[in-house]
PDB file of N, CA and C in Angstrom:
ATOM      1  N   MET A   1       0.858  -1.173   0.000  1.00  0.00           N
ATOM      2  CA  MET A   1       0.000   0.000   0.000  1.00  0.00           C
ATOM      3  C   MET A   1       0.900   1.230   0.000  1.00  0.00           C
ATOM      4  N   ARG A   2       0.594   2.115  -0.890  1.00  0.00           N
ATOM      5  CA  ARG A   2       1.379   3.329  -1.008  1.00  0.00           C
ATOM      6  C   ARG A   2       0.902   4.351   0.023  1.00  0.00           C
ATOM      7  N   PRO A   3       1.754   5.290   0.444  1.00  0.00           N
ATOM      8  CA  PRO A   3       1.363   6.293   1.448  1.00  0.00           C
ATOM      9  C   PRO A   3       0.204   7.163   0.985  1.00  0.00           C
ATOM     10  N   ARG A   4       0.127   7.423  -0.304  1.00  0.00           N
ATOM     11  CA  ARG A   4      -0.946   8.274  -0.814  1.00  0.00           C
ATOM     12  C   ARG A   4      -2.311   7.578  -0.656  1.00  0.00           C
ATOM     13  N   GLU A   5      -2.377   6.266  -0.832  1.00  0.00           N
ATOM     14  CA  GLU A   5      -3.608   5.516  -0.674  1.00  0.00           C
ATOM     15  C   GLU A   5      -4.065   5.527   0.787  1.00  0.00           C
ATOM     16  N   GLY A   6      -3.135   5.411   1.698  1.00  0.00           N
ATOM     17  CA  GLY A   6      -3.456   5.450   3.132  1.00  0.00           C
ATOM     18  C   GLY A   6      -4.021   6.802   3.535  1.00  0.00           C
ATOM     19  N   LEU A   7      -3.420   7.865   3.007  1.00  0.00           N
ATOM     20  CA  LEU A   7      -3.908   9.211   3.295  1.00  0.00           C
ATOM     21  C   LEU A   7      -5.297   9.416   2.715  1.00  0.00           C
ATOM     22  N   THR A   8      -5.546   8.891   1.533  1.00  0.00           N
ATOM     23  CA  THR A   8      -6.866   9.003   0.906  1.00  0.00           C
ATOM     24  C   THR A   8      -7.915   8.270   1.736  1.00  0.00           C
ATOM     25  N   ARG A   9      -7.589   7.096   2.196  1.00  0.00           N
ATOM     26  CA  ARG A   9      -8.538   6.325   3.021  1.00  0.00           C
ATOM     27  C   ARG A   9      -8.850   7.053   4.331  1.00  0.00           C
ATOM     28  N   ILE A  10      -7.855   7.632   4.936  1.00  0.00           N
ATOM     29  CA  ILE A  10      -8.064   8.374   6.189  1.00  0.00           C
ATOM     30  C   ILE A  10      -8.965   9.577   5.943  1.00  0.00           C
ATOM     31  N   LEU A  11      -8.716  10.316   4.858  1.00  0.00           N
ATOM     32  CA  LEU A  11      -9.548  11.481   4.538  1.00  0.00           C
ATOM     33  C   LEU A  11     -10.989  11.076   4.228  1.00  0.00           C
ATOM     34  N   VAL A  12     -11.178   9.967   3.513  1.00  0.00           N
ATOM     35  CA  VAL A  12     -12.533   9.486   3.212  1.00  0.00           C
ATOM     36  C   VAL A  12     -13.239   9.088   4.508  1.00  0.00           C
ATOM     37  N   ALA A  13     -12.553   8.374   5.383  1.00  0.00           N
ATOM     38  CA  ALA A  13     -13.139   7.954   6.657  1.00  0.00           C
ATOM     39  C   ALA A  13     -13.477   9.164   7.523  1.00  0.00           C
ATOM     40  N   LEU A  14     -12.600  10.138   7.588  1.00  0.00           N
ATOM     41  CA  LEU A  14     -12.845  11.343   8.375  1.00  0.00           C
ATOM     42  C   LEU A  14     -14.036  12.127   7.832  1.00  0.00           C
ATOM     43  N   THR A  15     -14.149  12.241   6.515  1.00  0.00           N
ATOM     44  CA  THR A  15     -15.285  12.924   5.891  1.00  0.00           C
ATOM     45  C   THR A  15     -16.587  12.194   6.191  1.00  0.00           C
ATOM     46  N   ALA A  16     -16.557  10.867   6.164  1.00  0.00           N
ATOM     47  CA  ALA A  16     -17.759  10.086   6.465  1.00  0.00           C
ATOM     48  C   ALA A  16     -18.201  10.286   7.910  1.00  0.00           C
ATOM     49  N   VAL A  17     -17.263  10.325   8.830  1.00  0.00           N
ATOM     50  CA  VAL A  17     -17.595  10.536  10.251  1.00  0.00           C
ATOM     51  C   VAL A  17     -18.184  11.924  10.460  1.00  0.00           C
ATOM     52  N   ILE A  18     -17.607  12.929   9.848  1.00  0.00           N
ATOM     53  CA  ILE A  18     -18.109  14.302  10.002  1.00  0.00           C
ATOM     54  C   ILE A  18     -19.503  14.427   9.404  1.00  0.00           C
ATOM     55  N   ALA A  19     -19.732  13.823   8.232  1.00  0.00           N
ATOM     56  CA  ALA A  19     -21.044  13.894   7.590  1.00  0.00           C
ATOM     57  C   ALA A  19     -22.100  13.175   8.408  1.00  0.00           C
ATOM     58  N   SER A  20     -21.765  12.000   8.950  1.00  0.00           N
ATOM     59  CA  SER A  20     -22.755  11.250   9.734  1.00  0.00           C
ATOM     60  C   SER A  20     -23.053  11.962  11.051  1.00  0.00           C
ATOM     61  N   THR A  21     -22.091  12.652  11.627  1.00  0.00           N
ATOM     62  CA  THR A  21     -22.332  13.408  12.855  1.00  0.00           C
ATOM     63  C   THR A  21     -23.287  14.561  12.592  1.00  0.00           C
ATOM     64  N   GLY A  22     -23.128  15.243  11.474  1.00  0.00           N
ATOM     65  CA  GLY A  22     -24.032  16.330  11.116  1.00  0.00           C
ATOM     66  C   GLY A  22     -25.450  15.841  10.901  1.00  0.00           C
ATOM     67  N   VAL A  23     -25.614  14.691  10.255  1.00  0.00           N
ATOM     68  CA  VAL A  23     -26.939  14.115  10.023  1.00  0.00           C
ATOM     69  C   VAL A  23     -27.577  13.723  11.350  1.00  0.00           C
ATOM     70  N   ALA A  24     -26.795  13.124  12.248  1.00  0.00           N
ATOM     71  CA  ALA A  24     -27.329  12.725  13.553  1.00  0.00           C
ATOM     72  C   ALA A  24     -27.777  13.938  14.360  1.00  0.00           C
ATOM     73  N   ALA A  25     -27.029  15.018  14.296  1.00  0.00           N
ATOM     74  CA  ALA A  25     -27.419  16.235  15.014  1.00  0.00           C
ATOM     75  C   ALA A  25     -28.702  16.821  14.446  1.00  0.00           C
ATOM     76  N   ALA A  26     -28.850  16.798  13.124  1.00  0.00           N
ATOM     77  CA  ALA A  26     -30.071  17.307  12.496  1.00  0.00           C
ATOM     78  C   ALA A  26     -31.265  16.447  12.871  1.00  0.00           C
ATOM     79  N   GLN A  27     -31.095  15.129  12.902  1.00  0.00           N
ATOM     80  CA  GLN A  27     -32.182  14.229  13.287  1.00  0.00           C
ATOM     81  C   GLN A  27     -32.563  14.448  14.742  1.00  0.00           C
ATOM     82  N   GLN A  28     -31.591  14.671  15.609  1.00  0.00           N
ATOM     83  CA  GLN A  28     -31.868  14.916  17.025  1.00  0.00           C
ATOM     84  C   GLN A  28     -32.678  16.188  17.195  1.00  0.00           C
ATOM     85  N   SER A  29     -32.346  17.207  16.424  1.00  0.00           N
ATOM     86  CA  SER A  29     -33.091  18.461  16.492  1.00  0.00           C
ATOM     87  C   SER A  29     -34.534  18.269  16.046  1.00  0.00           C
ATOM     88  N   GLU A  30     -34.745  17.495  14.982  1.00  0.00           N
ATOM     89  CA  GLU A  30     -36.105  17.226  14.502  1.00  0.00           C
ATOM     90  C   GLU A  30     -36.904  16.427  15.515  1.00  0.00           C
ATOM     91  N   ILE A  31     -36.271  15.453  16.149  1.00  0.00           N
ATOM     92  CA  ILE A  31     -36.950  14.643  17.160  1.00  0.00           C
ATOM     93  C   ILE A  31     -37.332  15.513  18.346  1.00  0.00           C
ATOM     94  N   THR A  32     -36.424  16.364  18.772  1.00  0.00           N
ATOM     95  CA  THR A  32     -36.707  17.243  19.910  1.00  0.00           C
ATOM     96  C   THR A  32     -37.861  18.190  19.600  1.00  0.00           C
ATOM     97  N   SER A  33     -37.883  18.768  18.421  1.00  0.00           N
ATOM     98  CA  SER A  33     -38.970  19.688  18.080  1.00  0.00           C
ATOM     99  C   SER A  33     -40.295  18.937  17.953  1.00  0.00           C
ATOM    100  N   SER A  34     -40.274  17.723  17.433  1.00  0.00           N
ATOM    101  CA  SER A  34     -41.498  16.922  17.336  1.00  0.00           C
ATOM    102  C   SER A  34     -42.046  16.583  18.713  1.00  0.00           C
ATOM    103  N   LEU A  35     -41.167  16.197  19.618  1.00  0.00           N
ATOM    104  CA  LEU A  35     -41.605  15.871  20.979  1.00  0.00           C
ATOM    105  C   LEU A  35     -42.154  17.099  21.695  1.00  0.00           C
ATOM    106  N   THR A  36     -41.563  18.259  21.446  1.00  0.00           N
ATOM    107  CA  THR A  36     -42.056  19.491  22.055  1.00  0.00           C
ATOM    108  C   THR A  36     -43.451  19.820  21.533  1.00  0.00           C
ATOM    109  N   GLU A  37     -43.669  19.630  20.235  1.00  0.00           N
ATOM    110  CA  GLU A  37     -44.999  19.883  19.673  1.00  0.00           C
ATOM    111  C   GLU A  37     -46.034  18.917  20.234  1.00  0.00           C
ATOM    112  N   ILE A  38     -45.670  17.648  20.394  1.00  0.00           N
ATOM    113  CA  ILE A  38     -46.592  16.656  20.962  1.00  0.00           C
ATOM    114  C   ILE A  38     -46.916  17.014  22.405  1.00  0.00           C
ATOM    115  N   GLU A  39     -45.925  17.413  23.167  1.00  0.00           N
ATOM    116  CA  GLU A  39     -46.136  17.790  24.573  1.00  0.00           C
ATOM    117  C   GLU A  39     -47.064  18.993  24.689  1.00  0.00           C
ATOM    118  N   GLN A  40     -46.880  19.983  23.830  1.00  0.00           N
ATOM    119  CA  GLN A  40     -47.751  21.156  23.859  1.00  0.00           C
ATOM    120  C   GLN A  40     -49.176  20.802  23.465  1.00  0.00           C
ATOM    121  N   PHE A  41     -49.333  19.917  22.481  1.00  0.00           N
ATOM    122  CA  PHE A  41     -50.660  19.479  22.051  1.00  0.00           C
ATOM    123  C   PHE A  41     -51.388  18.745  23.174  1.00  0.00           C
ATOM    124  N   VAL A  42     -50.688  17.849  23.854  1.00  0.00           N
ATOM    125  CA  VAL A  42     -51.301  17.084  24.945  1.00  0.00           C
ATOM    126  C   VAL A  42     -51.730  18.009  26.072  1.00  0.00           C
ATOM    127  N   ALA A  43     -50.858  18.923  26.473  1.00  0.00           N
ATOM    128  CA  ALA A  43     -51.186  19.833  27.574  1.00  0.00           C
ATOM    129  C   ALA A  43     -52.351  20.747  27.210  1.00  0.00           C
ATOM    130  N   THR A  44     -52.353  21.283  26.006  1.00  0.00           N
ATOM    131  CA  THR A  44     -53.432  22.174  25.570  1.00  0.00           C
ATOM    132  C   THR A  44     -54.756  21.433  25.474  1.00  0.00           C
ATOM    133  N   THR A  45     -54.730  20.260  24.870  1.00  0.00           N
ATOM    134  CA  THR A  45     -55.950  19.470  24.718  1.00  0.00           C
ATOM    135  C   THR A  45     -56.522  19.065  26.067  1.00  0.00           C
ATOM    136  N   LEU A  46     -55.664  18.655  26.966  1.00  0.00           N
ATOM    137  CA  LEU A  46     -56.112  18.249  28.303  1.00  0.00           C
ATOM    138  C   LEU A  46     -56.761  19.418  29.035  1.00  0.00           C
ATOM    139  N   GLY A  47     -56.155  20.574  28.967  1.00  0.00           N
ATOM    140  CA  GLY A  47     -56.727  21.753  29.626  1.00  0.00           C
ATOM    141  C   GLY A  47     -58.042  22.186  29.005  1.00  0.00           C
ATOM    142  N   GLN A  48     -58.118  22.184  27.671  1.00  0.00           N
ATOM    143  CA  GLN A  48     -59.354  22.613  27.009  1.00  0.00           C
ATOM    144  C   GLN A  48     -60.492  21.630  27.246  1.00  0.00           C
ATOM    145  N   LEU A  49     -60.207  20.341  27.184  1.00  0.00           N
ATOM    146  CA  LEU A  49     -61.240  19.347  27.487  1.00  0.00           C
ATOM    147  C   LEU A  49     -61.698  19.462  28.938  1.00  0.00           C
ATOM    148  N   GLY A  50     -60.762  19.734  29.839  1.00  0.00           N
ATOM    149  CA  GLY A  50     -61.125  19.915  31.243  1.00  0.00           C
ATOM    150  C   GLY A  50     -62.083  21.078  31.435  1.00  0.00           C
ATOM    151  N   ILE A  51     -61.823  22.174  30.768  1.00  0.00           N
ATOM    152  CA  ILE A  51     -62.705  23.340  30.885  1.00  0.00           C
ATOM    153  C   ILE A  51     -64.087  23.028  30.313  1.00  0.00           C
ATOM    154  N   ILE A  52     -64.130  22.364  29.157  1.00  0.00           N
ATOM    155  CA  ILE A  52     -65.421  22.029  28.546  1.00  0.00           C
ATOM    156  C   ILE A  52     -66.215  21.080  29.437  1.00  0.00           C
ATOM    157  N   ILE A  53     -65.570  20.034  29.933  1.00  0.00           N
ATOM    158  CA  ILE A  53     -66.266  19.070  30.793  1.00  0.00           C
ATOM    159  C   ILE A  53     -66.715  19.724  32.087  1.00  0.00           C
ATOM    160  N   PHE A  54     -65.884  20.601  32.639  1.00  0.00           N
ATOM    161  CA  PHE A  54     -66.263  21.306  33.864  1.00  0.00           C
ATOM    162  C   PHE A  54     -67.510  22.168  33.625  1.00  0.00           C
ATOM    163  N   LEU A  55     -67.529  22.914  32.530  1.00  0.00           N
ATOM    164  CA  LEU A  55     -68.675  23.786  32.237  1.00  0.00           C
ATOM    165  C   LEU A  55     -69.944  22.992  31.948  1.00  0.00           C
ATOM    166  N   VAL A  56     -69.835  21.914  31.191  1.00  0.00           N
ATOM    167  CA  VAL A  56     -71.005  21.070  30.910  1.00  0.00           C
ATOM    168  C   VAL A  56     -71.509  20.422  32.194  1.00  0.00           C
ATOM    169  N   GLY A  57     -70.596  19.925  33.011  1.00  0.00           N
ATOM    170  CA  GLY A  57     -70.988  19.329  34.293  1.00  0.00           C
ATOM    171  C   GLY A  57     -71.666  20.326  35.204  1.00  0.00           C
ATOM    172  N   THR A  58     -71.166  21.549  35.240  1.00  0.00           N
ATOM    173  CA  THR A  58     -71.783  22.605  36.060  1.00  0.00           C
ATOM    174  C   THR A  58     -73.179  22.922  35.557  1.00  0.00           C
ATOM    175  N   ALA A  59     -73.327  23.017  34.243  1.00  0.00           N
ATOM    176  CA  ALA A  59     -74.643  23.307  33.671  1.00  0.00           C
ATOM    177  C   ALA A  59     -75.627  22.186  33.992  1.00  0.00           C
ATOM    178  N   VAL A  60     -75.200  20.944  33.838  1.00  0.00           N
ATOM    179  CA  VAL A  60     -76.080  19.802  34.137  1.00  0.00           C
ATOM    180  C   VAL A  60     -76.445  19.800  35.612  1.00  0.00           C
ATOM    181  N   TRP A  61     -75.504  20.095  36.462  1.00  0.00           N
ATOM    182  CA  TRP A  61     -75.773  20.092  37.906  1.00  0.00           C
ATOM    183  C   TRP A  61     -76.772  21.194  38.286  1.00  0.00           C
ATOM    184  N   PHE A  62     -76.613  22.383  37.688  1.00  0.00           N
ATOM    185  CA  PHE A  62     -77.514  23.488  38.019  1.00  0.00           C
ATOM    186  C   PHE A  62     -78.929  23.289  37.481  1.00  0.00           C
ATOM    187  N   VAL A  63     -79.077  22.652  36.335  1.00  0.00           N
ATOM    188  CA  VAL A  63     -80.414  22.486  35.758  1.00  0.00           C
ATOM    189  C   VAL A  63     -81.035  21.126  36.105  1.00  0.00           C
ATOM    190  N   SER A  64     -80.420  20.383  36.982  1.00  0.00           N
ATOM    191  CA  SER A  64     -80.902  19.036  37.273  1.00  0.00           C
ATOM    192  C   SER A  64     -82.252  19.019  37.991  1.00  0.00           C
ATOM    193  N   GLY A  65     -82.579  20.085  38.692  1.00  0.00           N
ATOM    194  CA  GLY A  65     -83.870  20.128  39.406  1.00  0.00           C
ATOM    195  C   GLY A  65     -83.944  19.032  40.454  1.00  0.00           C
ATOM    196  N   ARG A  66     -84.972  18.206  40.357  1.00  0.00           N
ATOM    197  CA  ARG A  66     -85.151  17.145  41.347  1.00  0.00           C
ATOM    198  C   ARG A  66     -84.566  15.803  40.893  1.00  0.00           C
ATOM    199  N   SER A  67     -83.949  15.761  39.742  1.00  0.00           N
ATOM    200  CA  SER A  67     -83.388  14.515  39.231  1.00  0.00           C
ATOM    201  C   SER A  67     -82.024  14.257  39.874  1.00  0.00           C
ATOM    202  N   ALA A  68     -81.995  13.292  40.755  1.00  0.00           N
ATOM    203  CA  ALA A  68     -80.745  12.963  41.447  1.00  0.00           C
ATOM    204  C   ALA A  68     -79.717  12.385  40.488  1.00  0.00           C
ATOM    205  N   ASP A  69     -80.198  11.655  39.479  1.00  0.00           N
ATOM    206  CA  ASP A  69     -79.281  11.042  38.526  1.00  0.00           C
ATOM    207  C   ASP A  69     -78.538  12.111  37.719  1.00  0.00           C
ATOM    208  N   ARG A  70     -79.266  13.113  37.221  1.00  0.00           N
ATOM    209  CA  ARG A  70     -78.617  14.202  36.473  1.00  0.00           C
ATOM    210  C   ARG A  70     -77.698  15.015  37.380  1.00  0.00           C
ATOM    211  N   ALA A  71     -78.124  15.239  38.608  1.00  0.00           N
ATOM    212  CA  ALA A  71     -77.285  15.995  39.544  1.00  0.00           C
ATOM    213  C   ALA A  71     -75.987  15.246  39.825  1.00  0.00           C
ATOM    214  N   GLN A  72     -76.098  13.934  39.946  1.00  0.00           N
ATOM    215  CA  GLN A  72     -74.902  13.127  40.209  1.00  0.00           C
ATOM    216  C   GLN A  72     -73.942  13.183  39.015  1.00  0.00           C
ATOM    217  N   TRP A  73     -74.474  13.065  37.794  1.00  0.00           N
ATOM    218  CA  TRP A  73     -73.617  13.139  36.617  1.00  0.00           C
ATOM    219  C   TRP A  73     -73.021  14.533  36.450  1.00  0.00           C
ATOM    220  N   GLY A  74     -73.790  15.545  36.774  1.00  0.00           N
ATOM    221  CA  GLY A  74     -73.255  16.907  36.722  1.00  0.00           C
ATOM    222  C   GLY A  74     -72.137  17.114  37.721  1.00  0.00           C
ATOM    223  N   TRP A  75     -72.339  16.584  38.923  1.00  0.00           N
ATOM    224  CA  TRP A  75     -71.315  16.695  39.977  1.00  0.00           C
ATOM    225  C   TRP A  75     -70.036  15.982  39.554  1.00  0.00           C
ATOM    226  N   ARG A  76     -70.203  14.776  38.988  1.00  0.00           N
ATOM    227  CA  ARG A  76     -69.029  14.030  38.509  1.00  0.00           C
ATOM    228  C   ARG A  76     -68.319  14.774  37.380  1.00  0.00           C
ATOM    229  N   GLY A  77     -69.094  15.379  36.486  1.00  0.00           N
ATOM    230  CA  GLY A  77     -68.500  16.151  35.396  1.00  0.00           C
ATOM    231  C   GLY A  77     -67.728  17.351  35.903  1.00  0.00           C
ATOM    232  N   MET A  78     -68.303  18.028  36.911  1.00  0.00           N
ATOM    233  CA  MET A  78     -67.590  19.189  37.477  1.00  0.00           C
ATOM    234  C   MET A  78     -66.252  18.762  38.069  1.00  0.00           C
ATOM    235  N   TRP A  79     -66.255  17.716  38.879  1.00  0.00           N
ATOM    236  CA  TRP A  79     -65.015  17.286  39.519  1.00  0.00           C
ATOM    237  C   TRP A  79     -64.044  16.676  38.519  1.00  0.00           C
ATOM    238  N   GLY A  80     -64.567  15.950  37.528  1.00  0.00           N
ATOM    239  CA  GLY A  80     -63.688  15.397  36.491  1.00  0.00           C
ATOM    240  C   GLY A  80     -63.022  16.487  35.675  1.00  0.00           C
ATOM    241  N   GLY A  81     -63.797  17.508  35.295  1.00  0.00           N
ATOM    242  CA  GLY A  81     -63.227  18.622  34.543  1.00  0.00           C
ATOM    243  C   GLY A  81     -62.212  19.400  35.362  1.00  0.00           C
ATOM    244  N   ALA A  82     -62.534  19.618  36.646  1.00  0.00           N
ATOM    245  CA  ALA A  82     -61.582  20.322  37.521  1.00  0.00           C
ATOM    246  C   ALA A  82     -60.296  19.509  37.670  1.00  0.00           C
ATOM    247  N   GLY A  83     -60.439  18.194  37.772  1.00  0.00           N
ATOM    248  CA  GLY A  83     -59.258  17.337  37.868  1.00  0.00           C
ATOM    249  C   GLY A  83     -58.410  17.397  36.611  1.00  0.00           C
ATOM    250  N   MET A  84     -59.051  17.467  35.454  1.00  0.00           N
ATOM    251  CA  MET A  84     -58.303  17.560  34.197  1.00  0.00           C
ATOM    252  C   MET A  84     -57.574  18.896  34.090  1.00  0.00           C
ATOM    253  N   ILE A  85     -58.190  19.952  34.579  1.00  0.00           N
ATOM    254  CA  ILE A  85     -57.530  21.267  34.559  1.00  0.00           C
ATOM    255  C   ILE A  85     -56.297  21.242  35.465  1.00  0.00           C
ATOM    256  N   VAL A  86     -56.459  20.695  36.664  1.00  0.00           N
ATOM    257  CA  VAL A  86     -55.325  20.597  37.593  1.00  0.00           C
ATOM    258  C   VAL A  86     -54.235  19.713  37.001  1.00  0.00           C
ATOM    259  N   LEU A  87     -54.628  18.599  36.366  1.00  0.00           N
ATOM    260  CA  LEU A  87     -53.651  17.705  35.749  1.00  0.00           C
ATOM    261  C   LEU A  87     -52.912  18.404  34.609  1.00  0.00           C
ATOM    262  N   SER A  88     -53.611  19.220  33.839  1.00  0.00           N
ATOM    263  CA  SER A  88     -52.978  19.954  32.751  1.00  0.00           C
ATOM    264  C   SER A  88     -51.920  20.922  33.282  1.00  0.00           C
ATOM    265  N   VAL A  89     -52.265  21.652  34.315  1.00  0.00           N
ATOM    266  CA  VAL A  89     -51.307  22.601  34.901  1.00  0.00           C
ATOM    267  C   VAL A  89     -50.129  21.849  35.510  1.00  0.00           C
ATOM    268  N   SER A  90     -50.416  20.759  36.220  1.00  0.00           N
ATOM    269  CA  SER A  90     -49.346  19.965  36.820  1.00  0.00           C
ATOM    270  C   SER A  90     -48.434  19.378  35.751  1.00  0.00           C
ATOM    271  N   TYR A  91     -49.030  18.941  34.645  1.00  0.00           N
ATOM    272  CA  TYR A  91     -48.254  18.380  33.535  1.00  0.00           C
ATOM    273  C   TYR A  91     -47.308  19.435  32.969  1.00  0.00           C
ATOM    274  N   ASN A  92     -47.803  20.654  32.786  1.00  0.00           N
ATOM    275  CA  ASN A  92     -46.948  21.736  32.278  1.00  0.00           C
ATOM    276  C   ASN A  92     -45.799  22.023  33.234  1.00  0.00           C
ATOM    277  N   VAL A  93     -46.090  22.048  34.525  1.00  0.00           N
ATOM    278  CA  VAL A  93     -45.043  22.309  35.519  1.00  0.00           C
ATOM    279  C   VAL A  93     -44.023  21.176  35.519  1.00  0.00           C
ATOM    280  N   PHE A  94     -44.500  19.930  35.476  1.00  0.00           N
ATOM    281  CA  PHE A  94     -43.632  18.759  35.502  1.00  0.00           C
ATOM    282  C   PHE A  94     -42.710  18.728  34.285  1.00  0.00           C
ATOM    283  N   VAL A  95     -43.267  18.950  33.099  1.00  0.00           N
ATOM    284  CA  VAL A  95     -42.459  18.934  31.880  1.00  0.00           C
ATOM    285  C   VAL A  95     -41.478  20.107  31.887  1.00  0.00           C
ATOM    286  N   GLY A  96     -41.922  21.279  32.322  1.00  0.00           N
ATOM    287  CA  GLY A  96     -41.029  22.435  32.400  1.00  0.00           C
ATOM    288  C   GLY A  96     -39.875  22.208  33.352  1.00  0.00           C
ATOM    289  N   LEU A  97     -40.161  21.543  34.467  1.00  0.00           N
ATOM    290  CA  LEU A  97     -39.103  21.231  35.436  1.00  0.00           C
ATOM    291  C   LEU A  97     -38.046  20.340  34.812  1.00  0.00           C
ATOM    292  N   PHE A  98     -38.479  19.289  34.119  1.00  0.00           N
ATOM    293  CA  PHE A  98     -37.508  18.371  33.532  1.00  0.00           C
ATOM    294  C   PHE A  98     -36.816  18.944  32.308  1.00  0.00           C
ATOM    295  N   GLU A  99     -37.469  19.848  31.594  1.00  0.00           N
ATOM    296  CA  GLU A  99     -36.773  20.508  30.483  1.00  0.00           C
ATOM    297  C   GLU A  99     -35.649  21.386  31.013  1.00  0.00           C
ATOM    298  N   ASN A 100     -35.841  21.978  32.192  1.00  0.00           N
ATOM    299  CA  ASN A 100     -34.799  22.820  32.771  1.00  0.00           C
ATOM    300  C   ASN A 100     -33.717  21.997  33.459  1.00  0.00           C
ATOM    301  N   LEU A 101     -34.057  20.811  33.959  1.00  0.00           N
ATOM    302  CA  LEU A 101     -33.062  19.977  34.626  1.00  0.00           C
ATOM    303  C   LEU A 101     -32.231  19.155  33.646  1.00  0.00           C
ATOM    304  N   ALA A 102     -32.837  18.725  32.555  1.00  0.00           N
ATOM    305  CA  ALA A 102     -32.183  17.791  31.640  1.00  0.00           C
ATOM    306  C   ALA A 102     -30.872  18.313  31.048  1.00  0.00           C
ATOM    307  N   PRO A 103     -30.769  19.577  30.619  1.00  0.00           N
ATOM    308  CA  PRO A 103     -29.497  20.002  30.032  1.00  0.00           C
ATOM    309  C   PRO A 103     -28.311  19.890  30.998  1.00  0.00           C
ATOM    310  N   GLY A 104     -28.547  20.055  32.279  1.00  0.00           N
ATOM    311  CA  GLY A 104     -27.467  19.942  33.242  1.00  0.00           C
ATOM    312  C   GLY A 104     -27.058  18.521  33.520  1.00  0.00           C
ATOM    313  N   MET A 105     -27.917  17.560  33.183  1.00  0.00           N
ATOM    314  CA  MET A 105     -27.616  16.165  33.482  1.00  0.00           C
ATOM    315  C   MET A 105     -26.900  15.468  32.328  1.00  0.00           C
ATOM    316  N   ILE A 106     -26.904  16.064  31.149  1.00  0.00           N
ATOM    317  CA  ILE A 106     -26.251  15.447  29.996  1.00  0.00           C
ATOM    318  C   ILE A 106     -24.770  15.787  30.053  1.00  0.00           C
ATOM    319  N   VAL A 107     -23.938  14.751  30.072  1.00  0.00           N
ATOM    320  CA  VAL A 107     -22.495  14.937  30.140  1.00  0.00           C
ATOM    321  C   VAL A 107     -21.957  15.011  28.723  1.00  0.00           C
ATOM    322  N   PRO A 108     -21.299  16.099  28.367  1.00  0.00           N
ATOM    323  CA  PRO A 108     -20.771  16.207  27.004  1.00  0.00           C
ATOM    324  C   PRO A 108     -19.672  15.192  26.756  1.00  0.00           C
ATOM    325  N   VAL A 109     -19.724  14.547  25.591  1.00  0.00           N
ATOM    326  CA  VAL A 109     -18.708  13.535  25.242  1.00  0.00           C
ATOM    327  C   VAL A 109     -17.454  14.219  24.744  1.00  0.00           C
ATOM    328  N   MET A 110     -17.649  15.254  23.936  1.00  0.00           N
ATOM    329  CA  MET A 110     -16.501  15.980  23.392  1.00  0.00           C
ATOM    330  C   MET A 110     -16.564  17.426  23.885  1.00  0.00           C
ATOM    331  N   PRO A 111     -15.465  17.955  24.376  1.00  0.00           N
ATOM    332  CA  PRO A 111     -15.493  19.341  24.876  1.00  0.00           C
ATOM    333  C   PRO A 111     -15.649  20.372  23.802  1.00  0.00           C
TER     334      PRO A 111
END
C-alpha cells in the first residue's frame, strides 16, 4: 500500500464521520422539536377538554332540578373537569421542570 492511498482512506473515513455526525445532530433536532410539539398538544388538549367538561358538568348540575341522577352526573362532570384542569397545569409544571433539569444532566462527550 502506497502512502498516498493510506492518506486518501483516512480522509474518506474522516469525511464520512463528520457527515454522519451532522446528520445525527439534524435528526436529534427534529426529534426534539417533534416531541415538544406533541407535549404542547397534549397539555393544551387536556386543559381545554377539562374546561369544557367542567362547564357542561356545572350546567347539568344546576339544571338538574329534582333529578338525582342528572345531579350526580353533573357533579361528577364538574369534579372530572376540575381534575383535568389541575392535571394539565401539573403536567406543564412537571415537563417544564424536567426541560430545565435535563441540560445539566447530559455529560458532554466531546469538549
